[in-house]
Amino acid sequence: MFSKILRWSAKALLAILLLAVAAIAAFRVAAAMRETGTRAELAPPNGHLVPTSSGGVFVQQKGPAQGVPVVLFHGTAAWSELWRRTIDALAAAGFHVIALDLPPFGFSDRPGSYTRQDQAARVKEVLDQLRSAPAIIVGHSFGAGAATEFAMRYPERARGLVLVDAALGLTAPPSDPPALLRPKWIREILVSLTITNPLATRPLLQTLIEKKERALPEYVEILQRPTTLQNSTSDIADWLYYFAGADRGAASADRGSYARLKLPVTMLWGEKDSVTPVAQALDLRTLVPQAQLTPLPGLGHIPQIEDPGLFNDALLKALGKL
């Protein structure tokens, strides 16, 4: 009798495992079925592609042509449109805003090379093509790595650096991507369960922000729109391998490089940020003594959507000082 129970239990466990595998695989299949859109169908008509040696970069510009340029770097899985209220506020204040989509997100081409050095070089080419004057560089979350890399590698092109809840990876020891992520099919399944899964967008967004009610339908739609482009899951899976590593070749990943950062630096940081806590801002200030820190009370990791008015006021004050 006991052996029969064991055999039955083993068969039941195998059946459960097979069902779980089938359910997970179904998300990958569903992602492929959703990803049929084109840039022409989905991208905002006021944006345009700027050619670079690694493909076109989608850019949205607003504000007077002669205004001080401000370049906005978005965070993970976001794109230029998530800055919409900030774009409008800065343009109304007389700045020339250049909000760009860092590949593989948004509507830029997806070249498969996503280190901070690659992104910084890409943005330099964009600004060269636009014939931009030296700009104030604003980087949010994971995009702050590329923004800081740009400021370090091309200091003549940056007149100031603003870091918003920056995810620079400076407080943890460098590491290689986990071996589990080497097979691309595993990364594709992870992406299809998260970034390109429309059922996950709002819950994931809520984990990043303190004001959960600010995971509004408009922001959910913005985040979801580019993920229906063709091959999104596969392309983002390529990026995930870079995301999971320490990007050791980047100057911005080296704590010692920050002492050589001579331009003005301002940090805007949600006091309730649980993703990159304020302790990381305090640590960064020890590396960049000239940096000014402005805490944003009651806000989490994405302050520009949690309280656009408070955030834009703080950013405009910071830009005025720069």
Protein backbone atom coordinates (compact mmCIF):
# COMPACT_ATOMS: atom_id res chain seq x y z
CA MET A 1 0.00 0.00 0.00
CA PHE A 2 2.79 2.43 0.93
CA SER A 3 4.61 1.81 -2.37
CA LYS A 4 1.41 2.55 -4.27
CA ILE A 5 1.03 5.84 -2.43
CA LEU A 6 4.62 6.74 -3.30
CA ARG A 7 4.09 5.93 -6.97
CA TRP A 8 0.85 7.92 -7.02
CA SER A 9 2.56 10.87 -5.31
CA ALA A 10 5.45 10.78 -7.78
CA LYS A 11 3.04 10.76 -10.73
CA ALA A 12 1.04 13.63 -9.22
CA LEU A 13 4.20 15.66 -8.64
CA LEU A 14 5.36 15.01 -12.20
CA ALA A 15 1.98 16.11 -13.52
CA ILE A 16 2.13 19.31 -11.49
CA LEU A 17 5.65 20.04 -12.76
CA LEU A 18 4.59 19.44 -16.34
CA LEU A 19 1.61 21.75 -15.91
CA ALA A 20 3.87 24.43 -14.43
CA VAL A 21 6.32 24.13 -17.32
CA ALA A 22 3.45 24.28 -19.81
CA ALA A 23 2.02 27.38 -18.12
CA ILE A 24 5.40 29.13 -18.16
CA ALA A 25 5.99 28.19 -21.80
CA ALA A 26 2.54 29.54 -22.61
CA PHE A 27 3.63 33.02 -21.52
CA ARG A 28 6.49 32.90 -24.02
CA VAL A 29 4.15 31.77 -26.79
CA ALA A 30 1.63 34.47 -25.86
CA ALA A 31 4.37 37.10 -25.99
CA ALA A 32 5.31 36.05 -29.51
CA MET A 33 1.67 36.28 -30.57
CA ARG A 34 1.32 39.79 -29.09
CA GLU A 35 4.50 41.18 -30.60
CA THR A 36 3.28 42.13 -34.05
CA GLY A 37 3.39 45.93 -33.90
CA THR A 38 5.58 48.32 -35.85
CA ARG A 39 7.20 51.60 -34.92
CA ALA A 40 5.10 53.42 -37.52
CA GLU A 41 1.92 52.20 -35.82
CA LEU A 42 2.89 52.72 -32.19
CA ALA A 43 5.46 55.50 -31.80
CA PRO A 44 4.36 59.07 -30.96
CA PRO A 45 4.16 61.15 -34.14
CA ASN A 46 6.12 64.02 -32.55
CA GLY A 47 9.21 61.81 -32.14
CA HIS A 48 11.77 60.85 -34.76
CA LEU A 49 14.72 58.54 -35.32
CA VAL A 50 18.23 59.96 -35.16
CA PRO A 51 20.73 57.81 -37.09
CA THR A 52 23.83 56.48 -35.34
CA SER A 53 26.44 53.89 -36.25
CA SER A 54 24.51 51.31 -34.19
CA GLY A 55 21.04 52.09 -35.51
CA GLY A 56 18.42 54.76 -35.08
CA VAL A 57 17.66 56.25 -31.67
CA PHE A 58 14.12 57.47 -31.09
CA VAL A 59 14.06 61.00 -29.72
CA GLN A 60 11.35 63.39 -28.59
CA GLN A 61 12.27 67.09 -28.48
CA LYS A 62 10.39 70.06 -27.10
CA GLY A 63 11.18 73.61 -26.13
CA PRO A 64 12.91 76.57 -27.80
CA ALA A 65 15.77 75.60 -30.10
CA GLN A 66 18.09 78.11 -28.41
CA GLY A 67 17.23 76.95 -24.89
CA VAL A 68 19.77 75.16 -22.72
CA PRO A 69 19.65 71.50 -23.78
CA VAL A 70 18.49 68.96 -21.19
CA VAL A 71 18.89 65.28 -22.09
CA LEU A 72 16.63 62.82 -20.27
CA PHE A 73 17.78 59.21 -19.74
CA HIS A 74 14.96 56.89 -18.62
CA GLY A 75 15.18 53.81 -16.39
CA THR A 76 14.68 50.09 -16.93
CA ALA A 77 11.77 49.05 -19.15
CA ALA A 78 10.68 52.69 -19.56
CA TRP A 79 11.06 55.05 -22.52
CA SER A 80 10.96 58.75 -23.32
CA GLU A 81 7.19 59.12 -22.93
CA LEU A 82 7.32 58.29 -19.22
CA TRP A 83 8.99 61.71 -18.85
CA ARG A 84 6.00 63.43 -20.53
CA ARG A 85 5.02 65.79 -17.71
CA THR A 86 8.66 66.64 -17.08
CA ILE A 87 9.26 67.28 -20.78
CA ASP A 88 6.34 69.71 -20.86
CA ALA A 89 7.39 71.50 -17.65
CA LEU A 90 11.01 71.96 -18.75
CA ALA A 91 10.02 73.14 -22.21
CA ALA A 92 7.59 75.66 -20.71
CA ALA A 93 10.49 76.97 -18.58
CA GLY A 94 12.58 77.63 -21.69
CA PHE A 95 14.80 74.55 -21.82
CA HIS A 96 15.32 72.53 -24.99
CA VAL A 97 14.41 68.99 -23.94
CA ILE A 98 15.87 65.93 -25.66
CA ALA A 99 14.22 62.77 -24.30
CA LEU A 100 15.55 59.62 -25.86
CA ASP A 101 14.78 55.90 -25.86
CA LEU A 102 17.76 53.86 -24.67
CA PRO A 103 17.85 50.59 -26.65
CA PRO A 104 16.34 48.03 -26.39
CA PHE A 105 13.46 50.01 -24.87
CA GLY A 106 10.99 52.32 -26.51
CA PHE A 107 11.14 52.78 -30.26
CA SER A 108 14.88 52.89 -30.91
CA ASP A 109 16.55 50.23 -33.03
CA ARG A 110 17.88 47.30 -31.00
CA PRO A 111 21.50 46.62 -31.96
CA GLY A 112 22.21 44.01 -29.28
CA SER A 113 24.99 45.99 -27.55
CA TYR A 114 23.86 47.57 -24.30
CA THR A 115 26.83 48.30 -22.04
CA ARG A 116 27.04 51.73 -20.47
CA GLN A 117 29.89 52.55 -22.85
CA ASP A 118 27.74 51.56 -25.83
CA GLN A 119 24.83 53.69 -24.62
CA ALA A 120 27.05 56.70 -23.87
CA ALA A 121 28.66 56.55 -27.32
CA ARG A 122 25.21 56.20 -28.88
CA VAL A 123 23.93 59.30 -27.11
CA LYS A 124 27.00 61.28 -28.12
CA GLU A 125 26.27 60.44 -31.75
CA VAL A 126 22.68 61.56 -31.26
CA LEU A 127 23.77 64.92 -29.84
CA ASP A 128 26.32 65.29 -32.64
CA GLN A 129 23.59 64.69 -35.21
CA LEU A 130 21.32 67.22 -33.50
CA ARG A 131 24.22 69.69 -33.27
CA SER A 132 23.43 70.14 -29.61
CA ALA A 133 25.34 72.50 -27.37
CA PRO A 134 26.76 71.05 -24.14
CA ALA A 135 23.76 69.72 -22.25
CA ILE A 136 22.55 69.11 -18.73
CA ILE A 137 22.32 65.33 -18.42
CA VAL A 138 19.50 63.83 -16.35
CA GLY A 139 19.58 60.12 -15.60
CA HIS A 140 16.95 58.09 -13.77
CA SER A 141 17.43 54.69 -12.11
CA PHE A 142 19.30 52.25 -14.38
CA GLY A 143 19.58 54.99 -17.01
CA ALA A 144 21.72 56.96 -14.58
CA GLY A 145 24.55 54.54 -15.33
CA ALA A 146 24.58 55.48 -19.00
CA ALA A 147 24.06 59.15 -18.11
CA THR A 148 27.03 59.16 -15.73
CA GLU A 149 29.12 57.23 -18.24
CA PHE A 150 28.34 59.89 -20.84
CA ALA A 151 29.39 62.68 -18.47
CA MET A 152 32.64 60.88 -17.61
CA ARG A 153 33.62 59.96 -21.16
CA TYR A 154 32.53 63.16 -22.87
CA PRO A 155 32.90 65.91 -20.25
CA GLU A 156 33.03 68.58 -22.95
CA ARG A 157 29.45 67.66 -23.91
CA ALA A 158 27.98 67.89 -20.39
CA ARG A 159 27.49 71.09 -18.41
CA GLY A 160 25.90 69.37 -15.42
CA LEU A 161 24.61 66.00 -14.20
CA VAL A 162 21.34 65.31 -12.39
CA LEU A 163 20.88 61.82 -10.94
CA VAL A 164 17.35 60.73 -10.03
CA ASP A 165 17.19 57.70 -7.72
CA ALA A 166 20.27 56.43 -9.51
CA ALA A 167 20.97 52.69 -9.80
CA LEU A 168 24.74 52.76 -10.29
CA GLY A 169 25.65 49.48 -8.60
CA LEU A 170 28.42 51.04 -6.52
CA THR A 171 27.50 49.62 -3.13
CA ALA A 172 27.73 45.93 -4.08
CA PRO A 173 30.85 44.01 -5.14
CA PRO A 174 31.19 43.49 -8.92
CA SER A 175 29.82 40.23 -10.21
CA ASP A 176 29.26 38.41 -13.47
CA PRO A 177 25.75 37.53 -14.64
CA PRO A 178 24.43 34.35 -12.98
CA ALA A 179 25.18 31.19 -14.93
CA LEU A 180 21.47 30.45 -14.94
CA LEU A 181 20.94 33.40 -17.30
CA ARG A 182 23.38 32.27 -19.96
CA PRO A 183 20.83 30.30 -22.01
CA LYS A 184 18.77 32.83 -23.91
CA TRP A 185 15.60 30.75 -23.69
CA ILE A 186 15.64 31.15 -19.90
CA ARG A 187 16.01 34.91 -20.24
CA GLU A 188 13.18 34.98 -22.78
CA ILE A 189 10.88 33.18 -20.36
CA LEU A 190 11.80 35.59 -17.56
CA VAL A 191 11.11 38.58 -19.81
CA SER A 192 7.80 37.12 -21.03
CA LEU A 193 6.74 36.67 -17.40
CA THR A 194 7.64 40.24 -16.44
CA ILE A 195 8.54 43.11 -18.76
CA THR A 196 6.49 42.05 -21.80
CA ASN A 197 3.67 40.47 -19.79
CA PRO A 198 0.74 42.92 -19.70
CA LEU A 199 -0.65 41.22 -16.59
CA ALA A 200 2.54 42.10 -14.71
CA THR A 201 2.96 45.77 -15.69
CA ARG A 202 0.86 47.38 -12.98
CA PRO A 203 1.96 45.07 -10.12
CA LEU A 204 5.61 45.55 -11.05
CA LEU A 205 5.16 49.31 -11.27
CA GLN A 206 3.58 49.35 -7.83
CA THR A 207 6.59 47.58 -6.33
CA LEU A 208 8.78 50.47 -7.46
CA ILE A 209 6.75 53.38 -6.14
CA GLU A 210 5.68 54.47 -2.68
CA LYS A 211 2.36 55.94 -3.79
CA LYS A 212 0.76 52.78 -5.13
CA GLU A 213 -2.27 54.65 -6.45
CA ARG A 214 0.01 56.44 -8.91
CA ALA A 215 0.31 53.28 -11.00
CA LEU A 216 -2.29 54.95 -13.21
CA PRO A 217 -3.72 53.45 -16.40
CA GLU A 218 -1.91 56.12 -18.45
CA TYR A 219 1.48 55.01 -17.11
CA VAL A 220 0.64 51.33 -17.52
CA GLU A 221 -0.29 51.99 -21.15
CA ILE A 222 2.91 53.95 -21.76
CA LEU A 223 5.04 51.12 -20.40
CA GLN A 224 3.18 48.46 -22.37
CA ARG A 225 3.04 50.19 -25.74
CA PRO A 226 6.57 49.43 -27.08
CA THR A 227 6.51 45.85 -25.75
CA THR A 228 4.13 44.86 -28.54
CA LEU A 229 6.79 45.65 -31.15
CA GLN A 230 8.06 42.68 -33.12
CA ASN A 231 10.67 40.55 -31.29
CA SER A 232 10.43 42.55 -28.06
CA THR A 233 10.86 39.59 -25.73
CA SER A 234 13.85 38.25 -27.65
CA ASP A 235 15.53 41.67 -27.87
CA ILE A 236 15.00 42.51 -24.21
CA ALA A 237 16.35 39.07 -23.29
CA ASP A 238 19.63 40.12 -24.92
CA TRP A 239 19.70 43.24 -22.75
CA LEU A 240 18.89 41.25 -19.60
CA TYR A 241 22.32 39.62 -19.67
CA TYR A 242 23.94 43.08 -19.49
CA PHE A 243 21.50 44.15 -16.76
CA ALA A 244 22.37 41.17 -14.58
CA GLY A 245 26.12 41.86 -14.68
CA ALA A 246 28.26 44.57 -13.15
CA ASP A 247 29.36 46.23 -16.44
CA ARG A 248 32.93 46.13 -15.18
CA GLY A 249 34.39 47.99 -18.14
CA ALA A 250 32.35 51.12 -17.40
CA ALA A 251 34.03 54.09 -15.77
CA SER A 252 30.75 54.76 -13.95
CA ALA A 253 30.98 51.31 -12.31
CA ASP A 254 34.35 52.19 -10.76
CA ARG A 255 34.13 54.03 -7.44
CA GLY A 256 37.54 55.55 -8.06
CA SER A 257 36.38 57.31 -11.22
CA TYR A 258 34.00 59.63 -9.39
CA ALA A 259 36.80 61.73 -7.90
CA ARG A 260 37.61 62.80 -11.46
CA LEU A 261 34.06 63.99 -12.11
CA LYS A 262 34.48 67.78 -12.09
CA LEU A 263 31.14 69.04 -13.39
CA PRO A 264 28.28 70.10 -11.07
CA VAL A 265 26.21 67.16 -9.81
CA THR A 266 22.75 67.21 -8.23
CA MET A 267 20.86 64.23 -6.85
CA LEU A 268 17.07 64.08 -6.53
CA TRP A 269 16.01 61.11 -4.43
CA GLY A 270 12.72 59.72 -3.19
CA GLU A 271 13.00 59.43 0.60
CA LYS A 272 10.87 56.27 0.53
CA ASP A 273 12.79 54.61 -2.29
CA SER A 274 13.10 50.90 -1.48
CA VAL A 275 14.87 49.99 -4.75
CA THR A 276 17.84 52.34 -4.46
CA PRO A 277 17.53 53.59 -0.86
CA VAL A 278 18.70 57.04 0.18
CA ALA A 279 21.72 55.35 1.78
CA GLN A 280 23.05 54.89 -1.75
CA ALA A 281 22.76 58.63 -2.37
CA LEU A 282 24.68 59.33 0.83
CA ASP A 283 27.36 56.88 -0.24
CA LEU A 284 27.58 58.51 -3.67
CA ARG A 285 28.02 61.91 -2.06
CA THR A 286 31.16 60.64 -0.34
CA LEU A 287 32.57 59.93 -3.81
CA VAL A 288 31.39 63.23 -5.33
CA PRO A 289 31.79 65.85 -2.58
CA GLN A 290 30.45 68.62 -4.79
CA ALA A 291 27.14 66.81 -5.27
CA GLN A 292 23.98 68.40 -3.91
CA LEU A 293 21.29 66.07 -2.55
CA THR A 294 17.61 66.99 -2.57
CA PRO A 295 15.41 64.43 -0.79
CA LEU A 296 11.86 64.12 -2.10
CA PRO A 297 9.57 63.46 0.88
CA GLY A 298 7.02 60.68 0.64
CA LEU A 299 8.16 59.47 -2.79
CA GLY A 300 9.68 56.21 -3.99
CA HIS A 301 11.80 55.13 -6.94
CA ILE A 302 9.95 56.93 -9.76
CA PRO A 303 9.24 60.40 -8.35
CA GLN A 304 8.46 61.94 -11.75
CA ILE A 305 5.20 59.98 -11.90
CA GLU A 306 4.46 59.74 -8.19
CA ASP A 307 4.23 63.52 -7.76
CA PRO A 308 5.02 65.30 -11.06
CA GLY A 309 4.51 68.75 -9.58
CA LEU A 310 6.86 68.27 -6.65
CA PHE A 311 9.45 66.51 -8.80
CA ASN A 312 9.38 69.06 -11.62
CA ASP A 313 9.72 71.94 -9.16
CA ALA A 314 12.76 70.27 -7.58
CA LEU A 315 14.28 69.54 -10.98
CA LEU A 316 13.75 73.10 -12.22
CA LYS A 317 15.43 74.46 -9.10
CA ALA A 318 18.36 72.11 -9.67
CA LEU A 319 18.64 73.13 -13.32
CA GLY A 320 18.59 76.77 -12.33
CA LYS A 321 21.66 76.21 -10.14
CA LEU A 322 23.46 74.32 -12.88
